[in-house]
């Protein structure tokens, strides 16, 4: 099976193609990882408040229940499990 990948490896080495290019989402994650916990807490709370207001304004016409996962996942990923639990209770 190596004989199939050999021409590709030669072309990568010949033209020095960079495989590990940093994308914008990688830059965003690196930026968020450098932020203190209280900044991430404020961002998650702001997302939850804006989503709650949008849910209140739209009423039953648009179901936004799945969108509540975004601030909950953000809080659980960036701050910790307990914060994710707090935000999930607040969004219920």
N, C-alpha and C. Protein backbone atom coordinates (compact mmCIF):
# COMPACT_ATOMS: atom_id res chain seq x y z
N UNK A 1 0.81 -1.20 0.00
CA UNK A 1 0.00 0.00 0.00
C UNK A 1 0.85 1.27 0.00
N UNK A 2 2.10 1.15 0.44
CA UNK A 2 2.95 2.33 0.49
C UNK A 2 3.24 2.86 -0.90
N UNK A 3 3.26 1.99 -1.89
CA UNK A 3 3.57 2.43 -3.25
C UNK A 3 2.52 3.39 -3.78
N UNK A 4 1.31 3.34 -3.22
CA UNK A 4 0.27 4.29 -3.64
C UNK A 4 0.54 5.70 -3.11
N UNK A 5 1.09 5.79 -1.92
CA UNK A 5 1.31 7.09 -1.30
C UNK A 5 2.68 7.68 -1.64
N UNK A 6 3.56 6.87 -2.22
CA UNK A 6 4.92 7.35 -2.48
C UNK A 6 4.97 8.54 -3.43
N UNK A 7 4.23 8.57 -4.55
CA UNK A 7 4.28 9.76 -5.42
C UNK A 7 3.76 11.02 -4.73
N UNK A 8 2.75 10.86 -3.90
CA UNK A 8 2.22 12.01 -3.18
C UNK A 8 3.24 12.54 -2.19
N UNK A 9 3.92 11.65 -1.48
CA UNK A 9 4.94 12.09 -0.53
C UNK A 9 6.10 12.77 -1.24
N UNK A 10 6.47 12.26 -2.43
CA UNK A 10 7.55 12.91 -3.18
C UNK A 10 7.16 14.32 -3.62
N UNK A 11 5.92 14.49 -4.07
CA UNK A 11 5.50 15.82 -4.51
C UNK A 11 5.41 16.79 -3.34
N UNK A 12 5.00 16.29 -2.18
CA UNK A 12 4.96 17.15 -1.00
C UNK A 12 6.36 17.58 -0.62
N UNK A 13 7.32 16.66 -0.65
CA UNK A 13 8.69 17.01 -0.30
C UNK A 13 9.32 17.91 -1.36
N UNK A 14 8.98 17.67 -2.63
CA UNK A 14 9.57 18.44 -3.72
C UNK A 14 9.11 19.89 -3.70
N UNK A 15 7.81 20.10 -3.52
CA UNK A 15 7.28 21.45 -3.56
C UNK A 15 7.08 22.06 -2.18
N UNK A 16 7.45 21.32 -1.16
CA UNK A 16 7.34 21.78 0.23
C UNK A 16 5.93 22.29 0.52
N UNK A 17 4.95 21.46 0.21
CA UNK A 17 3.56 21.82 0.46
C UNK A 17 3.31 21.76 1.96
N UNK A 18 2.76 22.83 2.48
CA UNK A 18 2.47 22.89 3.90
C UNK A 18 1.11 22.25 4.16
N UNK A 19 1.12 21.16 4.92
CA UNK A 19 -0.12 20.47 5.24
C UNK A 19 -0.78 21.09 6.46
N UNK A 20 0.00 21.51 7.41
CA UNK A 20 -0.56 22.02 8.66
C UNK A 20 -0.72 23.54 8.60
N UNK A 21 -1.68 23.98 7.83
CA UNK A 21 -1.97 25.40 7.71
C UNK A 21 -2.95 25.79 8.80
N UNK A 22 -2.67 26.87 9.50
CA UNK A 22 -3.56 27.31 10.57
C UNK A 22 -4.75 28.05 9.98
N UNK A 23 -5.94 27.59 10.32
CA UNK A 23 -7.16 28.19 9.81
C UNK A 23 -7.67 29.25 10.78
N UNK A 24 -8.71 29.94 10.38
CA UNK A 24 -9.29 30.98 11.23
C UNK A 24 -9.90 30.39 12.49
N UNK A 25 -10.49 29.20 12.38
CA UNK A 25 -11.10 28.58 13.56
C UNK A 25 -10.02 28.18 14.56
N UNK A 26 -8.85 27.78 14.06
CA UNK A 26 -7.73 27.48 14.96
C UNK A 26 -7.26 28.73 15.69
N UNK A 27 -7.24 29.85 14.97
CA UNK A 27 -6.86 31.12 15.59
C UNK A 27 -7.88 31.53 16.65
N UNK A 28 -9.17 31.31 16.36
CA UNK A 28 -10.22 31.64 17.33
C UNK A 28 -10.08 30.79 18.58
N UNK A 29 -9.86 29.48 18.42
CA UNK A 29 -9.68 28.61 19.58
C UNK A 29 -8.45 28.99 20.39
N UNK A 30 -7.36 29.34 19.71
CA UNK A 30 -6.15 29.77 20.42
C UNK A 30 -6.41 31.06 21.19
N UNK A 31 -7.16 31.99 20.58
CA UNK A 31 -7.49 33.24 21.26
C UNK A 31 -8.35 32.98 22.49
N UNK A 32 -9.36 32.12 22.36
CA UNK A 32 -10.24 31.83 23.49
C UNK A 32 -9.52 31.08 24.60
N UNK A 33 -8.55 30.25 24.24
CA UNK A 33 -7.79 29.52 25.27
C UNK A 33 -6.89 30.45 26.09
N UNK A 34 -6.52 31.59 25.53
CA UNK A 34 -5.68 32.55 26.26
C UNK A 34 -6.48 33.45 27.20
N UNK A 35 -7.80 33.45 27.08
CA UNK A 35 -8.63 34.35 27.88
C UNK A 35 -8.84 33.81 29.28
N UNK A 36 -8.96 34.71 30.27
CA UNK A 36 -9.27 34.25 31.63
C UNK A 36 -10.70 33.70 31.72
N UNK A 37 -10.94 32.97 32.78
CA UNK A 37 -12.24 32.30 32.95
C UNK A 37 -13.40 33.29 33.03
N UNK A 38 -13.19 34.44 33.66
CA UNK A 38 -14.31 35.38 33.81
C UNK A 38 -14.72 35.98 32.47
N UNK A 39 -13.81 36.09 31.52
CA UNK A 39 -14.16 36.58 30.18
C UNK A 39 -15.01 35.54 29.46
N UNK A 40 -14.62 34.27 29.58
CA UNK A 40 -15.40 33.21 28.96
C UNK A 40 -16.78 33.09 29.60
N UNK A 41 -16.82 33.29 30.93
CA UNK A 41 -18.10 33.27 31.64
C UNK A 41 -19.00 34.40 31.12
N UNK A 42 -18.45 35.59 30.95
CA UNK A 42 -19.23 36.73 30.46
C UNK A 42 -19.70 36.50 29.03
N UNK A 43 -18.86 35.91 28.18
CA UNK A 43 -19.27 35.62 26.81
C UNK A 43 -20.40 34.60 26.76
N UNK A 44 -20.29 33.55 27.58
CA UNK A 44 -21.34 32.53 27.61
C UNK A 44 -22.64 33.12 28.16
N UNK A 45 -22.54 33.96 29.17
CA UNK A 45 -23.74 34.59 29.74
C UNK A 45 -24.38 35.54 28.73
N UNK A 46 -23.56 36.28 28.00
CA UNK A 46 -24.09 37.19 26.97
C UNK A 46 -24.79 36.40 25.87
N UNK A 47 -24.19 35.28 25.45
CA UNK A 47 -24.84 34.45 24.43
C UNK A 47 -26.18 33.92 24.93
N UNK A 48 -26.21 33.50 26.19
CA UNK A 48 -27.44 32.95 26.76
C UNK A 48 -28.52 34.03 26.87
N UNK A 49 -28.13 35.24 27.27
CA UNK A 49 -29.09 36.34 27.39
C UNK A 49 -29.64 36.74 26.03
N UNK A 50 -28.77 36.87 25.03
CA UNK A 50 -29.22 37.24 23.68
C UNK A 50 -30.13 36.16 23.11
N UNK A 51 -29.78 34.91 23.33
CA UNK A 51 -30.60 33.81 22.85
C UNK A 51 -31.95 33.78 23.56
N UNK A 52 -31.95 34.06 24.85
CA UNK A 52 -33.20 34.10 25.61
C UNK A 52 -34.11 35.22 25.13
N UNK A 53 -33.55 36.38 24.84
CA UNK A 53 -34.34 37.50 24.32
C UNK A 53 -34.89 37.17 22.94
N UNK A 54 -34.06 36.57 22.09
CA UNK A 54 -34.52 36.20 20.75
C UNK A 54 -35.62 35.14 20.84
N UNK A 55 -35.49 34.22 21.79
CA UNK A 55 -36.51 33.20 21.97
C UNK A 55 -37.81 33.81 22.48
N UNK A 56 -37.69 34.79 23.35
CA UNK A 56 -38.87 35.48 23.87
C UNK A 56 -39.59 36.28 22.79
N UNK A 57 -38.82 36.94 21.94
CA UNK A 57 -39.40 37.77 20.89
C UNK A 57 -40.09 36.92 19.83
N UNK A 58 -39.46 35.81 19.44
CA UNK A 58 -40.05 34.98 18.38
C UNK A 58 -41.21 34.13 18.88
N UNK A 59 -41.24 33.85 20.16
CA UNK A 59 -42.33 33.06 20.72
C UNK A 59 -42.32 31.63 20.23
N UNK A 60 -43.49 31.12 19.89
CA UNK A 60 -43.58 29.74 19.46
C UNK A 60 -43.42 29.58 17.94
N UNK A 61 -43.24 30.68 17.24
CA UNK A 61 -43.10 30.61 15.78
C UNK A 61 -41.82 29.91 15.36
N UNK A 62 -40.75 30.16 16.08
CA UNK A 62 -39.45 29.56 15.75
C UNK A 62 -38.95 28.82 16.98
N UNK A 63 -38.65 27.55 16.82
CA UNK A 63 -38.12 26.75 17.93
C UNK A 63 -36.61 26.95 18.03
N UNK A 64 -36.16 27.48 19.15
CA UNK A 64 -34.75 27.76 19.34
C UNK A 64 -34.12 26.87 20.40
N UNK A 65 -34.75 25.78 20.73
CA UNK A 65 -34.27 24.96 21.83
C UNK A 65 -32.90 24.35 21.55
N UNK A 66 -32.61 24.01 20.30
CA UNK A 66 -31.29 23.44 20.00
C UNK A 66 -30.18 24.48 20.07
N UNK A 67 -30.53 25.74 19.85
CA UNK A 67 -29.51 26.79 19.91
C UNK A 67 -28.99 27.02 21.32
N UNK A 68 -29.74 26.60 22.33
CA UNK A 68 -29.27 26.74 23.70
C UNK A 68 -28.06 25.85 23.98
N UNK A 69 -27.78 24.90 23.12
CA UNK A 69 -26.61 24.05 23.31
C UNK A 69 -25.31 24.81 23.07
N UNK A 70 -25.37 25.87 22.29
CA UNK A 70 -24.15 26.61 21.96
C UNK A 70 -23.53 27.26 23.19
N UNK A 71 -24.25 28.08 23.98
CA UNK A 71 -23.60 28.64 25.17
C UNK A 71 -23.30 27.59 26.24
N UNK A 72 -24.12 26.55 26.32
CA UNK A 72 -23.86 25.49 27.30
C UNK A 72 -22.57 24.75 26.94
N UNK A 73 -22.42 24.39 25.67
CA UNK A 73 -21.20 23.70 25.24
C UNK A 73 -19.98 24.61 25.36
N UNK A 74 -20.17 25.89 25.05
CA UNK A 74 -19.07 26.85 25.17
C UNK A 74 -18.61 26.96 26.62
N UNK A 75 -19.57 27.02 27.55
CA UNK A 75 -19.22 27.13 28.97
C UNK A 75 -18.57 25.84 29.46
N UNK A 76 -19.10 24.70 29.06
CA UNK A 76 -18.53 23.44 29.51
C UNK A 76 -17.13 23.24 28.94
N UNK A 77 -16.92 23.63 27.69
CA UNK A 77 -15.61 23.45 27.07
C UNK A 77 -14.59 24.46 27.61
N UNK A 78 -14.97 25.72 27.67
CA UNK A 78 -14.01 26.75 28.01
C UNK A 78 -13.79 26.96 29.50
N UNK A 79 -14.82 26.75 30.29
CA UNK A 79 -14.72 27.05 31.72
C UNK A 79 -14.61 25.78 32.54
N UNK A 80 -15.51 24.85 32.31
CA UNK A 80 -15.47 23.59 33.05
C UNK A 80 -16.83 22.94 33.15
N UNK A 81 -16.84 21.75 33.69
CA UNK A 81 -18.06 20.96 33.78
C UNK A 81 -19.12 21.62 34.65
N UNK A 82 -18.71 22.17 35.78
CA UNK A 82 -19.68 22.81 36.68
C UNK A 82 -20.34 24.02 36.03
N UNK A 83 -19.57 24.79 35.29
CA UNK A 83 -20.14 25.95 34.60
C UNK A 83 -21.10 25.50 33.51
N UNK A 84 -20.76 24.43 32.81
CA UNK A 84 -21.68 23.88 31.82
C UNK A 84 -22.98 23.43 32.45
N UNK A 85 -22.90 22.85 33.64
CA UNK A 85 -24.10 22.43 34.36
C UNK A 85 -24.93 23.64 34.78
N UNK A 86 -24.27 24.68 35.25
CA UNK A 86 -24.97 25.91 35.67
C UNK A 86 -25.69 26.54 34.48
N UNK A 87 -25.00 26.62 33.34
CA UNK A 87 -25.61 27.22 32.15
C UNK A 87 -26.72 26.34 31.59
N UNK A 88 -26.60 25.04 31.73
CA UNK A 88 -27.68 24.18 31.24
C UNK A 88 -28.93 24.31 32.11
N UNK A 89 -28.74 24.49 33.41
CA UNK A 89 -29.88 24.72 34.30
C UNK A 89 -30.50 26.09 34.02
N UNK A 90 -29.65 27.09 33.76
CA UNK A 90 -30.16 28.43 33.49
C UNK A 90 -30.92 28.48 32.17
N UNK A 91 -30.55 27.65 31.22
CA UNK A 91 -31.22 27.70 29.93
C UNK A 91 -32.47 26.82 29.88
N UNK A 92 -32.72 26.07 30.92
CA UNK A 92 -33.90 25.17 30.91
C UNK A 92 -35.18 25.93 31.15
